[in-house]
Amino acid sequence: MSLLDQLSSQISSLAPITISVPTTPIFQVSRFIHHVTTTPIHPVYFPYLRFGVIHAARVTTVWAGMRKGKKRGGRLQDLFGYLVLAWGGSTVTSLILNQPPSWLISPTPWIIYPLVYTFLVPTGLSAYIVDTCPTVLFGIIGGLVDGMTRGTTITSLGTLLSTSSVGSSAISSGGNINLWTYGLLSLLAISSGGLIVGTLGLNEDEWKLGTPGLLKGGLINTLDAWSASLVGLLWLALTNQHSSLKGVNQFIQLSLPHELKVSSTDEKELGAGLDVPHARAICVMVLGSLLATKAIILSLRGTTTKRANRIDKKTELFILDEKDEGKTKVVKTPVKVGSSKPTPRKSPRAKSK
């Protein structure tokens, strides 16, 4: 019996969890994810999935925020940076798993992302949203959208691993997925685009090597990375894809209703895993909550910093006024040189004959 199993059984016996989690939000999020990942914008005129359009539109607002207050470079240069930010994560994970990226084998990304970019960035709509929308509201909505897109990506990495010749080595004969591999792939799938843009300075007028914000440290600055790995491990626990997480699965299922469990298994059996759509919805909700919390904290920090700067400026002006009171001002009047009256002109003398 593993340590996690023992800990789970002891906690269950000492403090049994009887609070049930409301299932309505989970079902609604699950249906929404299924809708955006299976329904096109229009079946005839624009037969492309809404998930890709939502992600492309969200990246335009992130790119507008990164380019805010900077000189406008060439349009192709700007488009290239936007595409790197949007496709960086999927490209890195595909190359690691020895698979071609989607933009290399399908024209669909080349239709969706440049078209959405053309509609939102050159027209200034994304920059207008970033400038006019309240910071807290924009951060919360953006965090929830990122939670949906990133959570769906993280929960799809298992399929990529199973179909890859390189990634299949991370899956044991018993079906257990390597925890380190899945956590690291989740991190790279979410953070690689921002890392590449920050390292190469693609959001600047002149590209140059720099330090991305993720590597500057801090719990909040690195939340995008460690939350992706955390949600990746949560996905493995909810779907019971690793035996060492069985205790965590049992502990979570103590507060979950039976409607969320796999219907083909015995309802009395713990650790059987949840239905994939419902487990994906839980991961999306957890990741969206973490990203929204980050936005709120950063907004509060910005407000506190602005207030502190205002107080410092007022204190500085007060000190300058006190210093000026002790000084005597000497007013010098301009001195006029010479007479103010015009000098009369002398008439020429007559020459003697």
Protein backbone atom coordinates (compact mmCIF):
# COMPACT_ATOMS: atom_id res chain seq x y z
CA MET A 1 0.00 0.00 0.00
CA SER A 2 1.52 3.29 -1.08
CA LEU A 3 1.97 6.32 1.15
CA LEU A 4 -0.74 8.26 -0.68
CA ASP A 5 -3.22 5.40 -0.20
CA GLN A 6 -2.46 5.24 3.52
CA LEU A 7 -2.79 9.01 3.87
CA SER A 8 -6.08 9.02 1.99
CA SER A 9 -7.58 6.21 4.10
CA GLN A 10 -6.49 7.87 7.37
CA ILE A 11 -7.94 11.23 6.38
CA SER A 12 -11.18 9.56 5.28
CA SER A 13 -11.52 7.75 8.62
CA LEU A 14 -10.63 10.74 10.80
CA ALA A 15 -12.36 13.51 8.85
CA PRO A 16 -14.78 12.07 6.30
CA ILE A 17 -15.81 14.53 3.60
CA THR A 18 -19.58 14.75 3.28
CA ILE A 19 -19.83 17.98 1.32
CA SER A 20 -20.87 17.32 -2.25
CA VAL A 21 -19.54 19.39 -5.12
CA PRO A 22 -22.27 21.04 -7.24
CA THR A 23 -22.40 19.29 -10.57
CA THR A 24 -24.21 21.95 -12.58
CA PRO A 25 -21.11 24.12 -13.33
CA ILE A 26 -19.10 21.03 -14.28
CA PHE A 27 -21.78 19.86 -16.70
CA GLN A 28 -22.13 23.34 -18.20
CA VAL A 29 -18.38 23.75 -18.71
CA SER A 30 -18.19 20.25 -20.19
CA ARG A 31 -20.96 21.02 -22.68
CA PHE A 32 -19.34 24.35 -23.57
CA ILE A 33 -15.96 22.74 -24.27
CA HIS A 34 -17.62 20.09 -26.40
CA HIS A 35 -19.47 22.80 -28.30
CA VAL A 36 -16.45 24.96 -29.16
CA THR A 37 -14.28 21.96 -30.07
CA THR A 38 -16.83 20.38 -32.41
CA THR A 39 -18.86 23.27 -33.87
CA PRO A 40 -17.60 25.42 -36.77
CA ILE A 41 -18.17 29.16 -37.04
CA HIS A 42 -20.36 28.55 -40.09
CA PRO A 43 -20.83 25.20 -41.81
CA VAL A 44 -20.51 26.73 -45.29
CA TYR A 45 -18.82 30.13 -45.30
CA PHE A 46 -16.27 29.53 -42.51
CA PRO A 47 -16.15 25.80 -41.65
CA TYR A 48 -13.50 26.10 -38.95
CA LEU A 49 -13.88 25.25 -35.29
CA ARG A 50 -14.78 27.98 -32.83
CA PHE A 51 -12.04 26.84 -30.46
CA GLY A 52 -9.30 27.95 -32.84
CA VAL A 53 -10.98 31.31 -33.50
CA ILE A 54 -11.37 31.97 -29.77
CA HIS A 55 -7.71 31.16 -29.16
CA ALA A 56 -6.57 33.34 -32.07
CA ALA A 57 -8.66 36.28 -30.85
CA ARG A 58 -7.37 35.92 -27.29
CA VAL A 59 -3.75 35.89 -28.49
CA THR A 60 -4.36 39.17 -30.36
CA THR A 61 -5.27 40.89 -27.09
CA VAL A 62 -2.20 39.44 -25.37
CA TRP A 63 -0.04 40.58 -28.27
CA ALA A 64 -1.59 44.06 -28.18
CA GLY A 65 -0.72 44.29 -24.49
CA MET A 66 2.87 43.24 -25.18
CA ARG A 67 3.17 45.83 -27.96
CA LYS A 68 1.52 48.63 -25.98
CA GLY A 69 3.50 51.87 -25.91
CA LYS A 70 6.06 50.69 -28.47
CA LYS A 71 6.80 51.91 -31.95
CA ARG A 72 5.08 50.14 -34.79
CA GLY A 73 7.42 48.05 -36.88
CA GLY A 74 6.78 46.32 -40.16
CA ARG A 75 3.49 44.49 -40.56
CA LEU A 76 5.13 41.17 -41.48
CA GLN A 77 7.44 41.52 -38.48
CA ASP A 78 4.45 42.07 -36.22
CA LEU A 79 2.54 39.15 -37.73
CA PHE A 80 5.52 36.84 -37.28
CA GLY A 81 5.77 37.67 -33.58
CA TYR A 82 2.04 37.07 -33.15
CA LEU A 83 2.24 33.67 -34.83
CA VAL A 84 5.22 32.65 -32.70
CA LEU A 85 3.26 33.58 -29.58
CA ALA A 86 0.23 31.60 -30.78
CA TRP A 87 1.98 28.52 -32.20
CA GLY A 88 5.12 28.33 -30.06
CA GLY A 89 3.75 25.86 -27.52
CA SER A 90 2.28 23.41 -30.02
CA THR A 91 5.41 23.61 -32.19
CA VAL A 92 7.78 22.82 -29.32
CA THR A 93 5.72 19.88 -28.05
CA SER A 94 5.35 18.49 -31.58
CA LEU A 95 9.09 18.66 -32.20
CA ILE A 96 9.84 17.00 -28.86
CA LEU A 97 7.42 14.17 -29.67
CA ASN A 98 8.90 13.78 -33.17
CA GLN A 99 5.68 14.88 -34.87
CA PRO A 100 5.11 17.62 -37.46
CA PRO A 101 3.36 20.73 -36.10
CA SER A 102 -0.17 21.38 -37.27
CA TRP A 103 0.77 24.49 -39.27
CA LEU A 104 3.16 22.37 -41.35
CA ILE A 105 0.67 19.75 -42.49
CA SER A 106 -2.61 21.67 -42.56
CA PRO A 107 -3.62 25.01 -44.09
CA THR A 108 -6.26 25.57 -41.41
CA PRO A 109 -4.00 27.46 -38.95
CA TRP A 110 -2.79 29.67 -41.81
CA ILE A 111 -6.39 30.60 -42.57
CA ILE A 112 -7.65 31.19 -39.03
CA TYR A 113 -4.81 33.02 -37.29
CA PRO A 114 -3.66 35.50 -39.99
CA LEU A 115 -7.30 36.29 -40.77
CA VAL A 116 -8.19 36.97 -37.14
CA TYR A 117 -4.97 38.99 -36.79
CA THR A 118 -5.86 41.11 -39.82
CA PHE A 119 -9.33 41.77 -38.48
CA LEU A 120 -8.29 42.73 -34.92
CA VAL A 121 -4.70 44.03 -34.85
CA PRO A 122 -4.24 46.41 -37.84
CA THR A 123 -7.72 47.83 -37.24
CA GLY A 124 -6.80 48.62 -33.62
CA LEU A 125 -9.70 46.66 -32.09
CA SER A 126 -7.47 44.56 -29.82
CA ALA A 127 -5.51 47.62 -28.69
CA TYR A 128 -8.80 49.45 -28.06
CA ILE A 129 -10.04 46.58 -25.87
CA VAL A 130 -6.79 46.54 -23.90
CA ASP A 131 -6.83 50.33 -23.39
CA THR A 132 -10.52 50.83 -22.52
CA CYS A 133 -11.50 47.67 -20.65
CA PRO A 134 -11.01 47.83 -16.85
CA THR A 135 -7.85 46.02 -15.85
CA VAL A 136 -9.51 43.67 -13.36
CA LEU A 137 -12.35 42.75 -15.71
CA PHE A 138 -10.01 42.23 -18.65
CA GLY A 139 -7.69 40.06 -16.55
CA ILE A 140 -10.49 37.89 -15.17
CA ILE A 141 -12.13 37.32 -18.57
CA GLY A 142 -8.75 36.65 -20.16
CA GLY A 143 -7.84 34.22 -17.39
CA LEU A 144 -11.07 32.26 -17.85
CA VAL A 145 -10.59 32.10 -21.63
CA ASP A 146 -6.97 31.00 -21.14
CA GLY A 147 -8.14 28.38 -18.68
CA MET A 148 -10.46 26.94 -21.31
CA THR A 149 -7.92 26.91 -24.15
CA ARG A 150 -4.93 25.83 -22.07
CA GLY A 151 -6.87 23.25 -20.08
CA THR A 152 -8.16 21.66 -23.27
CA THR A 153 -4.62 21.55 -24.65
CA ILE A 154 -3.17 19.99 -21.50
CA THR A 155 -5.82 17.29 -21.34
CA SER A 156 -5.11 16.37 -24.97
CA LEU A 157 -1.41 15.67 -24.49
CA GLY A 158 -2.05 12.05 -23.54
CA THR A 159 -3.29 11.33 -27.05
CA LEU A 160 -0.15 12.89 -28.53
CA LEU A 161 2.03 10.78 -26.25
CA SER A 162 0.28 7.55 -27.18
CA THR A 163 0.56 8.21 -30.93
CA SER A 164 4.19 9.32 -30.83
CA SER A 165 7.09 6.92 -31.18
CA VAL A 166 9.09 9.01 -28.73
CA GLY A 167 6.27 9.73 -26.30
CA SER A 168 5.11 6.10 -26.15
CA SER A 169 8.29 5.29 -24.22
CA ALA A 170 6.92 7.46 -21.40
CA ILE A 171 3.95 5.10 -21.06
CA SER A 172 4.59 1.87 -19.18
CA SER A 173 3.17 -1.50 -20.09
CA GLY A 174 0.54 -1.05 -17.38
CA GLY A 175 -0.72 2.15 -18.98
CA ASN A 176 0.91 4.49 -16.47
CA ILE A 177 2.06 7.81 -17.96
CA ASN A 178 5.32 9.18 -16.60
CA LEU A 179 4.45 12.02 -14.23
CA TRP A 180 7.59 14.02 -14.94
CA THR A 181 7.08 13.75 -18.69
CA TYR A 182 3.46 14.85 -18.59
CA GLY A 183 4.10 17.72 -16.18
CA LEU A 184 7.02 19.02 -18.23
CA LEU A 185 5.11 18.71 -21.52
CA SER A 186 2.19 20.62 -19.99
CA LEU A 187 4.55 23.40 -18.96
CA LEU A 188 6.18 23.61 -22.40
CA ALA A 189 2.88 23.47 -24.27
CA ILE A 190 1.62 26.52 -22.40
CA SER A 191 4.74 28.63 -21.81
CA SER A 192 6.93 28.04 -24.87
CA GLY A 193 5.36 30.79 -26.98
CA GLY A 194 5.94 33.45 -24.34
CA LEU A 195 9.45 32.14 -23.65
CA ILE A 196 10.44 32.40 -27.31
CA VAL A 197 8.96 35.88 -27.72
CA GLY A 198 10.62 37.13 -24.52
CA THR A 199 13.99 35.56 -25.28
CA LEU A 200 14.24 36.90 -28.83
CA GLY A 201 12.46 40.20 -28.10
CA LEU A 202 9.94 39.64 -30.90
CA ASN A 203 7.59 42.24 -29.41
CA GLU A 204 10.26 44.94 -29.73
CA ASP A 205 11.04 47.10 -32.75
CA GLU A 206 14.56 45.69 -32.96
CA TRP A 207 14.85 42.00 -32.11
CA LYS A 208 17.46 41.22 -29.50
CA LEU A 209 18.19 38.62 -26.86
CA GLY A 210 16.56 39.27 -23.52
CA THR A 211 15.23 37.62 -20.37
CA PRO A 212 11.61 36.42 -20.55
CA GLY A 213 9.35 37.37 -17.69
CA LEU A 214 8.85 33.74 -16.69
CA LEU A 215 12.52 33.40 -15.72
CA LYS A 216 12.48 36.48 -13.50
CA GLY A 217 11.02 34.36 -10.73
CA GLY A 218 8.27 34.93 -8.23
CA LEU A 219 5.23 32.83 -7.41
CA ILE A 220 2.87 35.01 -9.43
CA ASN A 221 5.22 35.55 -12.38
CA THR A 222 5.69 31.80 -12.78
CA LEU A 223 2.04 30.86 -12.19
CA ASP A 224 1.41 30.18 -15.87
CA ALA A 225 4.12 27.52 -15.83
CA TRP A 226 3.58 25.70 -12.56
CA SER A 227 -0.22 25.83 -12.82
CA ALA A 228 0.01 24.05 -16.19
CA SER A 229 2.10 21.26 -14.66
CA LEU A 230 -0.23 21.07 -11.67
CA VAL A 231 -3.32 20.75 -13.87
CA GLY A 232 -1.54 18.12 -15.97
CA LEU A 233 -0.97 15.99 -12.87
CA LEU A 234 -4.56 16.65 -11.76
CA TRP A 235 -5.76 15.34 -15.13
CA LEU A 236 -3.79 12.13 -14.66
CA ALA A 237 -5.24 11.72 -11.18
CA LEU A 238 -8.85 12.34 -12.22
CA THR A 239 -8.66 9.92 -15.13
CA ASN A 240 -6.62 7.38 -13.13
CA GLN A 241 -3.76 7.20 -15.64
CA HIS A 242 -1.08 6.58 -13.04
CA SER A 243 -1.15 4.08 -10.19
CA SER A 244 0.77 6.32 -7.77
CA LEU A 245 -2.01 8.91 -7.98
CA LYS A 246 -4.72 6.43 -7.06
CA GLY A 247 -4.82 7.76 -3.51
CA VAL A 248 -5.31 11.30 -4.79
CA ASN A 249 -8.08 10.02 -7.07
CA GLN A 250 -9.85 8.36 -4.17
CA PHE A 251 -9.50 11.46 -2.01
CA ILE A 252 -11.01 13.67 -4.74
CA GLN A 253 -13.84 11.27 -5.49
CA LEU A 254 -14.99 11.31 -1.88
CA SER A 255 -16.58 14.72 -2.56
CA LEU A 256 -17.70 14.08 -6.14
CA PRO A 257 -21.11 12.68 -7.10
CA HIS A 258 -21.45 9.36 -8.89
CA GLU A 259 -22.72 11.08 -12.03
CA LEU A 260 -19.18 12.17 -12.84
CA LYS A 261 -17.66 8.70 -12.68
CA VAL A 262 -17.11 6.36 -15.56
CA SER A 263 -20.45 4.72 -16.23
CA SER A 264 -18.94 1.39 -17.26
CA THR A 265 -17.32 0.76 -13.87
CA ASP A 266 -18.79 -0.22 -10.56
CA GLU A 267 -20.17 2.81 -8.77
CA LYS A 268 -18.95 1.50 -5.42
CA GLU A 269 -15.38 1.24 -6.61
CA LEU A 270 -13.15 4.20 -5.80
CA GLY A 271 -10.27 5.16 -8.04
CA ALA A 272 -12.02 4.08 -11.22
CA GLY A 273 -11.56 7.53 -12.74
CA LEU A 274 -13.99 10.13 -14.03
CA ASP A 275 -15.58 10.57 -17.40
CA VAL A 276 -13.13 12.31 -19.71
CA PRO A 277 -15.40 15.32 -20.51
CA HIS A 278 -16.13 15.91 -16.82
CA ALA A 279 -12.49 15.52 -15.79
CA ARG A 280 -11.50 17.96 -18.52
CA ALA A 281 -14.11 20.44 -17.26
CA ILE A 282 -12.72 20.22 -13.72
CA CYS A 283 -9.18 20.86 -14.99
CA VAL A 284 -10.39 23.86 -17.00
CA MET A 285 -12.20 25.30 -13.99
CA VAL A 286 -9.17 24.88 -11.72
CA LEU A 287 -6.78 26.44 -14.23
CA GLY A 288 -9.17 29.29 -15.03
CA SER A 289 -9.58 30.04 -11.31
CA LEU A 290 -5.81 30.19 -10.80
CA LEU A 291 -5.30 32.52 -13.78
CA ALA A 292 -8.19 34.77 -12.73
CA THR A 293 -6.73 34.96 -9.21
CA LYS A 294 -3.39 35.97 -10.71
CA ALA A 295 -5.08 38.79 -12.64
CA ILE A 296 -6.77 40.08 -9.48
CA ILE A 297 -3.51 40.02 -7.49
CA LEU A 298 -1.60 41.84 -10.22
CA SER A 299 -4.35 44.45 -10.45
CA LEU A 300 -4.25 45.05 -6.71
CA ARG A 301 -0.47 45.32 -6.83
CA GLY A 302 -0.69 47.89 -9.62
CA THR A 303 -3.23 49.96 -7.68
CA THR A 304 -1.06 49.88 -4.55
CA THR A 305 2.02 50.93 -6.55
CA LYS A 306 0.19 53.87 -8.12
CA ARG A 307 -1.01 55.07 -4.71
CA ALA A 308 2.49 54.78 -3.29
CA ASN A 309 3.90 56.80 -6.19
CA ARG A 310 1.30 59.52 -5.66
CA ILE A 311 2.12 59.73 -1.94
CA ASP A 312 5.85 59.93 -2.70
CA LYS A 313 5.27 62.77 -5.16
CA LYS A 314 3.12 64.71 -2.67
CA THR A 315 5.74 64.23 0.07
CA GLU A 316 8.49 65.41 -2.25
CA LEU A 317 6.56 68.55 -3.18
CA PHE A 318 5.86 69.26 0.50
CA ILE A 319 9.55 69.01 1.36
CA LEU A 320 10.48 71.30 -1.53
CA ASP A 321 7.92 73.86 -0.35
CA GLU A 322 9.39 73.82 3.17
CA LYS A 323 12.87 74.39 1.78
CA ASP A 324 11.68 77.24 -0.41
CA GLU A 325 10.04 79.04 2.55
CA GLY A 326 13.39 79.61 4.22
CA LYS A 327 14.88 81.25 1.16
CA THR A 328 14.55 84.99 0.44
CA LYS A 329 13.80 85.94 -3.06
CA VAL A 330 15.76 88.81 -4.57
CA VAL A 331 13.99 90.54 -7.37
CA LYS A 332 16.25 92.46 -9.68
CA THR A 333 14.78 95.27 -11.71
CA PRO A 334 16.24 95.82 -15.12
CA VAL A 335 18.55 98.83 -15.31
CA LYS A 336 18.24 101.09 -18.32
CA VAL A 337 21.52 102.24 -19.78
CA GLY A 338 21.60 105.71 -21.28
CA SER A 339 18.88 108.24 -21.71
CA SER A 340 15.45 107.18 -22.74
CA LYS A 341 15.04 110.29 -24.95
CA PRO A 342 16.24 110.08 -28.50
CA THR A 343 19.40 112.03 -29.26
CA PRO A 344 18.68 114.96 -31.59
CA ARG A 345 20.41 114.79 -34.91
CA LYS A 346 22.86 117.54 -35.63
CA SER A 347 22.56 119.45 -38.83
CA PRO A 348 25.61 119.41 -41.05
CA ARG A 349 27.87 122.51 -40.98
CA ALA A 350 28.10 124.59 -44.02
CA LYS A 351 31.39 124.40 -45.79
CA SER A 352 33.39 127.60 -46.10
CA LYS A 353 34.16 128.84 -49.52
